PDB file of all heavy atoms in Angstrom:
ATOM      1  N   GLY A   1    -149.489   5.044 -50.022  1.00  0.00           N
ATOM      2  CA  GLY A   1    -149.961   4.561 -51.297  1.00  0.00           C
ATOM      3  C   GLY A   1    -150.089   5.516 -52.439  1.00  0.00           C
ATOM      4  O   GLY A   1    -150.283   6.727 -52.255  1.00  0.00           O
ATOM      5  N   ARG A   2    -149.941   4.994 -53.614  1.00  0.00           N
ATOM      6  CA  ARG A   2    -149.972   5.762 -54.871  1.00  0.00           C
ATOM      7  C   ARG A   2    -151.441   5.966 -55.308  1.00  0.00           C
ATOM      8  O   ARG A   2    -152.243   5.128 -55.234  1.00  0.00           O
ATOM      9  CB  ARG A   2    -149.161   5.035 -55.931  1.00  0.00           C
ATOM     10  CG  ARG A   2    -149.126   5.714 -57.329  1.00  0.00           C
ATOM     11  CD  ARG A   2    -148.180   4.906 -58.220  1.00  0.00           C
ATOM     12  NE  ARG A   2    -148.516   3.477 -58.190  1.00  0.00           N
ATOM     13  CZ  ARG A   2    -149.370   2.831 -58.941  1.00  0.00           C
ATOM     14  NH1 ARG A   2    -150.165   3.585 -59.775  1.00  0.00           N
ATOM     15  NH2 ARG A   2    -149.625   1.608 -58.943  1.00  0.00           N
ATOM     16  N   ILE A   3    -151.709   7.167 -55.839  1.00  0.00           N
ATOM     17  CA  ILE A   3    -153.016   7.455 -56.362  1.00  0.00           C
ATOM     18  C   ILE A   3    -153.192   6.701 -57.752  1.00  0.00           C
ATOM     19  O   ILE A   3    -152.299   6.577 -58.517  1.00  0.00           O
ATOM     20  CB  ILE A   3    -153.211   8.926 -56.653  1.00  0.00           C
ATOM     21  CG1 ILE A   3    -153.168   9.710 -55.262  1.00  0.00           C
ATOM     22  CG2 ILE A   3    -154.466   9.275 -57.381  1.00  0.00           C
ATOM     23  CD1 ILE A   3    -153.110  11.225 -55.418  1.00  0.00           C
ATOM     24  N   SER A   4    -154.369   6.192 -57.967  1.00  0.00           N
ATOM     25  CA  SER A   4    -154.651   5.415 -59.183  1.00  0.00           C
ATOM     26  C   SER A   4    -154.344   6.211 -60.410  1.00  0.00           C
ATOM     27  O   SER A   4    -154.655   7.440 -60.468  1.00  0.00           O
ATOM     28  CB  SER A   4    -156.192   5.015 -59.207  1.00  0.00           C
ATOM     29  OG  SER A   4    -156.450   4.110 -58.129  1.00  0.00           O
ATOM     30  N   ASN A   5    -153.777   5.553 -61.376  1.00  0.00           N
ATOM     31  CA  ASN A   5    -153.435   6.131 -62.730  1.00  0.00           C
ATOM     32  C   ASN A   5    -152.261   7.104 -62.653  1.00  0.00           C
ATOM     33  O   ASN A   5    -151.977   7.742 -63.681  1.00  0.00           O
ATOM     34  CB  ASN A   5    -154.665   6.771 -63.350  1.00  0.00           C
ATOM     35  CG  ASN A   5    -155.708   5.795 -63.652  1.00  0.00           C
ATOM     36  OD1 ASN A   5    -155.471   4.721 -64.239  1.00  0.00           O
ATOM     37  ND2 ASN A   5    -157.006   6.143 -63.323  1.00  0.00           N
ATOM     38  N   ILE A   6    -151.570   7.208 -61.574  1.00  0.00           N
ATOM     39  CA  ILE A   6    -150.321   7.894 -61.479  1.00  0.00           C
ATOM     40  C   ILE A   6    -149.188   6.827 -61.348  1.00  0.00           C
ATOM     41  O   ILE A   6    -149.074   6.160 -60.273  1.00  0.00           O
ATOM     42  CB  ILE A   6    -150.208   8.885 -60.360  1.00  0.00           C
ATOM     43  CG1 ILE A   6    -151.282  10.022 -60.532  1.00  0.00           C
ATOM     44  CG2 ILE A   6    -148.840   9.506 -60.224  1.00  0.00           C
ATOM     45  CD1 ILE A   6    -151.396  11.018 -59.423  1.00  0.00           C
ATOM     46  N   GLU A   7    -148.503   6.589 -62.424  1.00  0.00           N
ATOM     47  CA  GLU A   7    -147.515   5.487 -62.409  1.00  0.00           C
ATOM     48  C   GLU A   7    -146.342   5.723 -61.459  1.00  0.00           C
ATOM     49  O   GLU A   7    -145.984   4.852 -60.668  1.00  0.00           O
ATOM     50  CB  GLU A   7    -146.979   5.197 -63.807  1.00  0.00           C
ATOM     51  CG  GLU A   7    -146.277   3.865 -63.929  1.00  0.00           C
ATOM     52  CD  GLU A   7    -145.979   3.517 -65.317  1.00  0.00           C
ATOM     53  OE1 GLU A   7    -146.585   4.198 -66.285  1.00  0.00           O
ATOM     54  OE2 GLU A   7    -145.137   2.675 -65.640  1.00  0.00           O
ATOM     55  N   ARG A   8    -145.803   6.947 -61.473  1.00  0.00           N
ATOM     56  CA  ARG A   8    -144.631   7.342 -60.633  1.00  0.00           C
ATOM     57  C   ARG A   8    -144.894   8.696 -59.991  1.00  0.00           C
ATOM     58  O   ARG A   8    -144.890   9.706 -60.721  1.00  0.00           O
ATOM     59  CB  ARG A   8    -143.388   7.322 -61.450  1.00  0.00           C
ATOM     60  CG  ARG A   8    -142.947   5.973 -61.960  1.00  0.00           C
ATOM     61  CD  ARG A   8    -142.446   5.123 -60.862  1.00  0.00           C
ATOM     62  NE  ARG A   8    -142.039   3.826 -61.368  1.00  0.00           N
ATOM     63  CZ  ARG A   8    -140.780   3.486 -61.817  1.00  0.00           C
ATOM     64  NH1 ARG A   8    -139.865   4.487 -61.825  1.00  0.00           N
ATOM     65  NH2 ARG A   8    -140.450   2.315 -62.280  1.00  0.00           N
ATOM     66  N   PRO A   9    -145.116   8.721 -58.685  1.00  0.00           N
ATOM     67  CA  PRO A   9    -145.134  10.121 -58.034  1.00  0.00           C
ATOM     68  C   PRO A   9    -143.854  10.835 -58.200  1.00  0.00           C
ATOM     69  O   PRO A   9    -142.856  10.275 -58.427  1.00  0.00           O
ATOM     70  CB  PRO A   9    -145.363   9.708 -56.546  1.00  0.00           C
ATOM     71  CG  PRO A   9    -146.050   8.371 -56.606  1.00  0.00           C
ATOM     72  CD  PRO A   9    -145.378   7.650 -57.747  1.00  0.00           C
ATOM     73  N   GLY A  10    -143.954  12.198 -58.171  1.00  0.00           N
ATOM     74  CA  GLY A  10    -142.823  12.993 -58.323  1.00  0.00           C
ATOM     75  C   GLY A  10    -142.645  13.982 -57.128  1.00  0.00           C
ATOM     76  O   GLY A  10    -143.534  14.290 -56.394  1.00  0.00           O
ATOM     77  N   LEU A  11    -141.379  14.331 -56.887  1.00  0.00           N
ATOM     78  CA  LEU A  11    -141.027  15.243 -55.758  1.00  0.00           C
ATOM     79  C   LEU A  11    -141.039  16.674 -56.264  1.00  0.00           C
ATOM     80  O   LEU A  11    -140.367  16.989 -57.281  1.00  0.00           O
ATOM     81  CB  LEU A  11    -139.679  14.838 -55.210  1.00  0.00           C
ATOM     82  CG  LEU A  11    -139.336  15.320 -53.788  1.00  0.00           C
ATOM     83  CD1 LEU A  11    -140.291  14.799 -52.762  1.00  0.00           C
ATOM     84  CD2 LEU A  11    -137.903  14.867 -53.406  1.00  0.00           C
ATOM     85  N   MET A  12    -141.728  17.551 -55.577  1.00  0.00           N
ATOM     86  CA  MET A  12    -141.884  18.930 -56.007  1.00  0.00           C
ATOM     87  C   MET A  12    -141.657  19.916 -54.939  1.00  0.00           C
ATOM     88  O   MET A  12    -142.005  19.691 -53.745  1.00  0.00           O
ATOM     89  CB  MET A  12    -143.349  19.108 -56.533  1.00  0.00           C
ATOM     90  CG  MET A  12    -143.639  20.499 -57.160  1.00  0.00           C
ATOM     91  SD  MET A  12    -145.416  20.742 -57.450  1.00  0.00           S
ATOM     92  CE  MET A  12    -145.902  21.130 -55.791  1.00  0.00           C
ATOM     93  N   THR A  13    -140.992  21.070 -55.269  1.00  0.00           N
ATOM     94  CA  THR A  13    -140.822  22.170 -54.342  1.00  0.00           C
ATOM     95  C   THR A  13    -141.191  23.474 -55.022  1.00  0.00           C
ATOM     96  O   THR A  13    -141.305  23.492 -56.196  1.00  0.00           O
ATOM     97  CB  THR A  13    -139.369  22.175 -53.855  1.00  0.00           C
ATOM     98  OG1 THR A  13    -139.321  23.059 -52.649  1.00  0.00           O
ATOM     99  CG2 THR A  13    -138.426  22.745 -54.852  1.00  0.00           C
ATOM    100  N   THR A  14    -141.479  24.440 -54.140  1.00  0.00           N
ATOM    101  CA  THR A  14    -141.798  25.809 -54.732  1.00  0.00           C
ATOM    102  C   THR A  14    -140.578  26.651 -54.477  1.00  0.00           C
ATOM    103  O   THR A  14    -140.132  26.900 -53.348  1.00  0.00           O
ATOM    104  CB  THR A  14    -142.979  26.386 -54.026  1.00  0.00           C
ATOM    105  OG1 THR A  14    -144.117  25.508 -54.123  1.00  0.00           O
ATOM    106  CG2 THR A  14    -143.378  27.731 -54.583  1.00  0.00           C
ATOM    107  N   LEU A  15    -140.008  27.145 -55.590  1.00  0.00           N
ATOM    108  CA  LEU A  15    -138.820  28.002 -55.517  1.00  0.00           C
ATOM    109  C   LEU A  15    -139.246  29.456 -55.593  1.00  0.00           C
ATOM    110  O   LEU A  15    -140.263  29.819 -56.244  1.00  0.00           O
ATOM    111  CB  LEU A  15    -137.901  27.701 -56.672  1.00  0.00           C
ATOM    112  CG  LEU A  15    -137.359  26.273 -56.791  1.00  0.00           C
ATOM    113  CD1 LEU A  15    -136.564  26.090 -58.098  1.00  0.00           C
ATOM    114  CD2 LEU A  15    -136.374  25.984 -55.633  1.00  0.00           C
ATOM    115  N   PRO A  16    -138.427  30.326 -54.978  1.00  0.00           N
ATOM    116  CA  PRO A  16    -138.808  31.764 -55.048  1.00  0.00           C
ATOM    117  C   PRO A  16    -138.494  32.304 -56.466  1.00  0.00           C
ATOM    118  O   PRO A  16    -137.613  31.722 -57.146  1.00  0.00           O
ATOM    119  CB  PRO A  16    -137.866  32.401 -53.966  1.00  0.00           C
ATOM    120  CG  PRO A  16    -136.694  31.462 -53.967  1.00  0.00           C
ATOM    121  CD  PRO A  16    -137.274  30.059 -54.136  1.00  0.00           C
ATOM    122  N   VAL A  17    -139.099  33.387 -56.844  1.00  0.00           N
ATOM    123  CA  VAL A  17    -138.816  34.028 -58.079  1.00  0.00           C
ATOM    124  C   VAL A  17    -138.282  35.374 -57.875  1.00  0.00           C
ATOM    125  O   VAL A  17    -138.426  35.983 -56.766  1.00  0.00           O
ATOM    126  CB  VAL A  17    -140.083  34.124 -58.990  1.00  0.00           C
ATOM    127  CG1 VAL A  17    -140.530  32.755 -59.469  1.00  0.00           C
ATOM    128  CG2 VAL A  17    -141.247  34.821 -58.298  1.00  0.00           C
ATOM    129  N   VAL A  18    -137.508  35.915 -58.865  1.00  0.00           N
ATOM    130  CA  VAL A  18    -136.837  37.180 -58.676  1.00  0.00           C
ATOM    131  C   VAL A  18    -137.772  38.302 -58.446  1.00  0.00           C
ATOM    132  O   VAL A  18    -137.594  39.178 -57.578  1.00  0.00           O
ATOM    133  CB  VAL A  18    -135.908  37.439 -59.905  1.00  0.00           C
ATOM    134  CG1 VAL A  18    -135.297  38.860 -59.805  1.00  0.00           C
ATOM    135  CG2 VAL A  18    -134.839  36.397 -60.014  1.00  0.00           C
ATOM    136  N   LYS A  19    -138.805  38.416 -59.248  1.00  0.00           N
ATOM    137  CA  LYS A  19    -139.805  39.448 -59.123  1.00  0.00           C
ATOM    138  C   LYS A  19    -141.083  38.983 -58.538  1.00  0.00           C
ATOM    139  O   LYS A  19    -141.617  37.893 -58.826  1.00  0.00           O
ATOM    140  CB  LYS A  19    -140.132  40.031 -60.554  1.00  0.00           C
ATOM    141  CG  LYS A  19    -138.902  40.810 -61.150  1.00  0.00           C
ATOM    142  CD  LYS A  19    -139.298  41.369 -62.453  1.00  0.00           C
ATOM    143  CE  LYS A  19    -138.175  42.138 -63.135  1.00  0.00           C
ATOM    144  NZ  LYS A  19    -138.469  42.780 -64.392  1.00  0.00           N
ATOM    145  N   GLY A  20    -141.682  39.794 -57.631  1.00  0.00           N
ATOM    146  CA  GLY A  20    -142.970  39.471 -57.042  1.00  0.00           C
ATOM    147  C   GLY A  20    -142.755  38.564 -55.844  1.00  0.00           C
ATOM    148  O   GLY A  20    -141.737  38.160 -55.402  1.00  0.00           O
ATOM    149  N   GLU A  21    -143.916  38.201 -55.264  1.00  0.00           N
ATOM    150  CA  GLU A  21    -143.955  37.408 -54.069  1.00  0.00           C
ATOM    151  C   GLU A  21    -144.320  35.912 -54.338  1.00  0.00           C
ATOM    152  O   GLU A  21    -144.452  35.160 -53.417  1.00  0.00           O
ATOM    153  CB  GLU A  21    -144.958  37.968 -53.064  1.00  0.00           C
ATOM    154  CG  GLU A  21    -144.540  39.380 -52.544  1.00  0.00           C
ATOM    155  CD  GLU A  21    -143.262  39.382 -51.824  1.00  0.00           C
ATOM    156  OE1 GLU A  21    -142.925  38.440 -51.096  1.00  0.00           O
ATOM    157  OE2 GLU A  21    -142.471  40.405 -52.027  1.00  0.00           O
ATOM    158  N   GLY A  22    -144.556  35.604 -55.562  1.00  0.00           N
ATOM    159  CA  GLY A  22    -145.014  34.291 -55.906  1.00  0.00           C
ATOM    160  C   GLY A  22    -143.853  33.324 -55.918  1.00  0.00           C
ATOM    161  O   GLY A  22    -142.757  33.513 -55.361  1.00  0.00           O
ATOM    162  N   GLY A  23    -144.036  32.189 -56.639  1.00  0.00           N
ATOM    163  CA  GLY A  23    -142.952  31.191 -56.764  1.00  0.00           C
ATOM    164  C   GLY A  23    -143.241  30.393 -57.974  1.00  0.00           C
ATOM    165  O   GLY A  23    -144.142  30.544 -58.734  1.00  0.00           O
ATOM    166  N   VAL A  24    -142.344  29.350 -58.121  1.00  0.00           N
ATOM    167  CA  VAL A  24    -142.549  28.414 -59.307  1.00  0.00           C
ATOM    168  C   VAL A  24    -142.426  27.002 -58.677  1.00  0.00           C
ATOM    169  O   VAL A  24    -141.473  26.644 -57.956  1.00  0.00           O
ATOM    170  CB  VAL A  24    -141.482  28.644 -60.337  1.00  0.00           C
ATOM    171  CG1 VAL A  24    -140.047  28.670 -59.750  1.00  0.00           C
ATOM    172  CG2 VAL A  24    -141.551  27.645 -61.428  1.00  0.00           C
ATOM    173  N   ASP A  25    -143.399  26.154 -59.058  1.00  0.00           N
ATOM    174  CA  ASP A  25    -143.445  24.796 -58.589  1.00  0.00           C
ATOM    175  C   ASP A  25    -142.582  23.943 -59.546  1.00  0.00           C
ATOM    176  O   ASP A  25    -142.829  23.929 -60.767  1.00  0.00           O
ATOM    177  CB  ASP A  25    -144.851  24.234 -58.537  1.00  0.00           C
ATOM    178  CG  ASP A  25    -145.723  24.950 -57.482  1.00  0.00           C
ATOM    179  OD1 ASP A  25    -145.136  25.299 -56.451  1.00  0.00           O
ATOM    180  OD2 ASP A  25    -146.877  25.230 -57.816  1.00  0.00           O
ATOM    181  N   PHE A  26    -141.577  23.242 -59.030  1.00  0.00           N
ATOM    182  CA  PHE A  26    -140.584  22.502 -59.793  1.00  0.00           C
ATOM    183  C   PHE A  26    -140.697  21.007 -59.525  1.00  0.00           C
ATOM    184  O   PHE A  26    -140.526  20.648 -58.347  1.00  0.00           O
ATOM    185  CB  PHE A  26    -139.154  23.053 -59.497  1.00  0.00           C
ATOM    186  CG  PHE A  26    -138.120  22.622 -60.332  1.00  0.00           C
ATOM    187  CD1 PHE A  26    -138.318  22.065 -61.696  1.00  0.00           C
ATOM    188  CD2 PHE A  26    -136.764  22.668 -59.933  1.00  0.00           C
ATOM    189  CE1 PHE A  26    -137.292  21.677 -62.428  1.00  0.00           C
ATOM    190  CE2 PHE A  26    -135.703  22.266 -60.756  1.00  0.00           C
ATOM    191  CZ  PHE A  26    -135.996  21.794 -61.978  1.00  0.00           C
ATOM    192  N   ILE A  27    -140.991  20.211 -60.487  1.00  0.00           N
ATOM    193  CA  ILE A  27    -141.233  18.783 -60.389  1.00  0.00           C
ATOM    194  C   ILE A  27    -140.718  18.055 -61.617  1.00  0.00           C
ATOM    195  O   ILE A  27    -140.863  18.522 -62.725  1.00  0.00           O
ATOM    196  CB  ILE A  27    -142.690  18.468 -60.069  1.00  0.00           C
ATOM    197  CG1 ILE A  27    -143.031  17.046 -59.933  1.00  0.00           C
ATOM    198  CG2 ILE A  27    -143.572  19.035 -61.270  1.00  0.00           C
ATOM    199  CD1 ILE A  27    -144.515  16.710 -59.537  1.00  0.00           C
ATOM    200  N   ASP A  28    -139.937  16.951 -61.473  1.00  0.00           N
ATOM    201  CA  ASP A  28    -139.581  16.097 -60.421  1.00  0.00           C
ATOM    202  C   ASP A  28    -138.151  16.410 -59.939  1.00  0.00           C
ATOM    203  O   ASP A  28    -137.306  16.626 -60.729  1.00  0.00           O
ATOM    204  CB  ASP A  28    -139.788  14.607 -60.888  1.00  0.00           C
ATOM    205  CG  ASP A  28    -139.318  13.625 -59.939  1.00  0.00           C
ATOM    206  OD1 ASP A  28    -139.373  13.750 -58.688  1.00  0.00           O
ATOM    207  OD2 ASP A  28    -138.783  12.566 -60.378  1.00  0.00           O
ATOM    208  N   LEU A  29    -137.940  16.396 -58.658  1.00  0.00           N
ATOM    209  CA  LEU A  29    -136.672  16.689 -58.056  1.00  0.00           C
ATOM    210  C   LEU A  29    -135.771  15.424 -57.791  1.00  0.00           C
ATOM    211  O   LEU A  29    -134.783  15.642 -57.015  1.00  0.00           O
ATOM    212  CB  LEU A  29    -136.858  17.541 -56.843  1.00  0.00           C
ATOM    213  CG  LEU A  29    -137.709  18.756 -56.991  1.00  0.00           C
ATOM    214  CD1 LEU A  29    -137.826  19.541 -55.726  1.00  0.00           C
ATOM    215  CD2 LEU A  29    -137.114  19.661 -58.081  1.00  0.00           C
ATOM    216  N   GLY A  30    -136.148  14.345 -58.220  1.00  0.00           N
ATOM    217  CA  GLY A  30    -135.355  13.095 -57.981  1.00  0.00           C
ATOM    218  C   GLY A  30    -136.012  11.947 -57.425  1.00  0.00           C
ATOM    219  O   GLY A  30    -135.368  10.968 -57.018  1.00  0.00           O
ATOM    220  N   ALA A  31    -137.370  11.978 -57.400  1.00  0.00           N
ATOM    221  CA  ALA A  31    -138.070  10.763 -56.931  1.00  0.00           C
ATOM    222  C   ALA A  31    -137.886   9.609 -57.915  1.00  0.00           C
ATOM    223  O   ALA A  31    -137.865   8.434 -57.497  1.00  0.00           O
ATOM    224  CB  ALA A  31    -139.543  11.067 -56.807  1.00  0.00           C
ATOM    225  N   ASN A  32    -137.589   9.962 -59.198  1.00  0.00           N
ATOM    226  CA  ASN A  32    -137.343   8.978 -60.190  1.00  0.00           C
ATOM    227  C   ASN A  32    -136.126   9.286 -60.960  1.00  0.00           C
ATOM    228  O   ASN A  32    -136.111  10.309 -61.619  1.00  0.00           O
ATOM    229  CB  ASN A  32    -138.578   8.826 -61.124  1.00  0.00           C
ATOM    230  CG  ASN A  32    -139.856   8.568 -60.402  1.00  0.00           C
ATOM    231  OD1 ASN A  32    -140.093   7.481 -59.862  1.00  0.00           O
ATOM    232  ND2 ASN A  32    -140.663   9.593 -60.250  1.00  0.00           N
ATOM    233  N   ALA A  33    -135.096   8.494 -60.951  1.00  0.00           N
ATOM    234  CA  ALA A  33    -133.862   8.721 -61.691  1.00  0.00           C
ATOM    235  C   ALA A  33    -134.051   8.608 -63.239  1.00  0.00           C
ATOM    236  O   ALA A  33    -133.485   9.266 -64.018  1.00  0.00           O
ATOM    237  CB  ALA A  33    -132.775   7.809 -61.251  1.00  0.00           C
ATOM    238  N   GLU A  34    -135.013   7.682 -63.550  1.00  0.00           N
ATOM    239  CA  GLU A  34    -135.365   7.500 -64.964  1.00  0.00           C
ATOM    240  C   GLU A  34    -136.886   7.822 -65.187  1.00  0.00           C
ATOM    241  O   GLU A  34    -137.637   7.498 -64.340  1.00  0.00           O
ATOM    242  CB  GLU A  34    -135.102   6.091 -65.435  1.00  0.00           C
ATOM    243  CG  GLU A  34    -133.568   5.706 -65.349  1.00  0.00           C
ATOM    244  CD  GLU A  34    -133.261   4.279 -65.800  1.00  0.00           C
ATOM    245  OE1 GLU A  34    -134.224   3.643 -66.251  1.00  0.00           O
ATOM    246  OE2 GLU A  34    -132.111   3.939 -65.770  1.00  0.00           O
ATOM    247  N   SER A  35    -137.154   8.435 -66.282  1.00  0.00           N
ATOM    248  CA  SER A  35    -138.578   8.853 -66.529  1.00  0.00           C
ATOM    249  C   SER A  35    -139.017   8.516 -67.906  1.00  0.00           C
ATOM    250  O   SER A  35    -138.248   8.185 -68.802  1.00  0.00           O
ATOM    251  CB  SER A  35    -138.672  10.362 -66.353  1.00  0.00           C
ATOM    252  OG  SER A  35    -138.453  10.789 -65.036  1.00  0.00           O
ATOM    253  N   LYS A  36    -140.336   8.411 -68.091  1.00  0.00           N
ATOM    254  CA  LYS A  36    -141.002   8.266 -69.350  1.00  0.00           C
ATOM    255  C   LYS A  36    -141.795   9.555 -69.674  1.00  0.00           C
ATOM    256  O   LYS A  36    -142.147  10.325 -68.735  1.00  0.00           O
ATOM    257  CB  LYS A  36    -141.991   7.096 -69.289  1.00  0.00           C
ATOM    258  CG  LYS A  36    -141.310   5.759 -69.079  1.00  0.00           C
ATOM    259  CD  LYS A  36    -142.346   4.678 -69.009  1.00  0.00           C
ATOM    260  CE  LYS A  36    -141.788   3.275 -68.723  1.00  0.00           C
ATOM    261  NZ  LYS A  36    -142.837   2.244 -68.619  1.00  0.00           N
ATOM    262  N   PRO A  37    -142.085   9.796 -70.877  1.00  0.00           N
ATOM    263  CA  PRO A  37    -142.845  11.049 -71.220  1.00  0.00           C
ATOM    264  C   PRO A  37    -144.192  11.097 -70.455  1.00  0.00           C
ATOM    265  O   PRO A  37    -144.598  12.163 -70.121  1.00  0.00           O
ATOM    266  CB  PRO A  37    -143.099  10.852 -72.774  1.00  0.00           C
ATOM    267  CG  PRO A  37    -142.005  10.021 -73.251  1.00  0.00           C
ATOM    268  CD  PRO A  37    -141.685   9.061 -72.113  1.00  0.00           C
ATOM    269  N   GLU A  38    -144.790   9.917 -70.210  1.00  0.00           N
ATOM    270  CA  GLU A  38    -146.122   9.920 -69.470  1.00  0.00           C
ATOM    271  C   GLU A  38    -145.931  10.352 -68.092  1.00  0.00           C
ATOM    272  O   GLU A  38    -146.833  10.980 -67.570  1.00  0.00           O
ATOM    273  CB  GLU A  38    -146.661   8.463 -69.531  1.00  0.00           C
ATOM    274  CG  GLU A  38    -147.096   7.972 -70.833  1.00  0.00           C
ATOM    275  CD  GLU A  38    -145.945   7.475 -71.773  1.00  0.00           C
ATOM    276  OE1 GLU A  38    -144.803   7.377 -71.239  1.00  0.00           O
ATOM    277  OE2 GLU A  38    -146.198   7.283 -72.916  1.00  0.00           O
ATOM    278  N   TYR A  39    -144.786  10.130 -67.498  1.00  0.00           N
ATOM    279  CA  TYR A  39    -144.563  10.641 -66.127  1.00  0.00           C
ATOM    280  C   TYR A  39    -144.581  12.149 -66.089  1.00  0.00           C
ATOM    281  O   TYR A  39    -145.216  12.773 -65.255  1.00  0.00           O
ATOM    282  CB  TYR A  39    -143.207  10.182 -65.549  1.00  0.00           C
ATOM    283  CG  TYR A  39    -142.941   8.726 -65.482  1.00  0.00           C
ATOM    284  CD1 TYR A  39    -141.708   8.192 -65.152  1.00  0.00           C
ATOM    285  CD2 TYR A  39    -143.935   7.801 -65.735  1.00  0.00           C
ATOM    286  CE1 TYR A  39    -141.436   6.827 -64.976  1.00  0.00           C
ATOM    287  CE2 TYR A  39    -143.714   6.434 -65.637  1.00  0.00           C
ATOM    288  CZ  TYR A  39    -142.466   5.934 -65.264  1.00  0.00           C
ATOM    289  OH  TYR A  39    -142.224   4.554 -65.204  1.00  0.00           O
TER     290      TYR A  39
END
């Protein structure tokens, strides 16, 4: 089930970064082929 007030869930992954041990969270990766600004 979808959380209230989130119209379209998104798919997210954490990518490695060149410097340091952290990462970058990248969303949406294709859960929705078409999007609206609100998404």
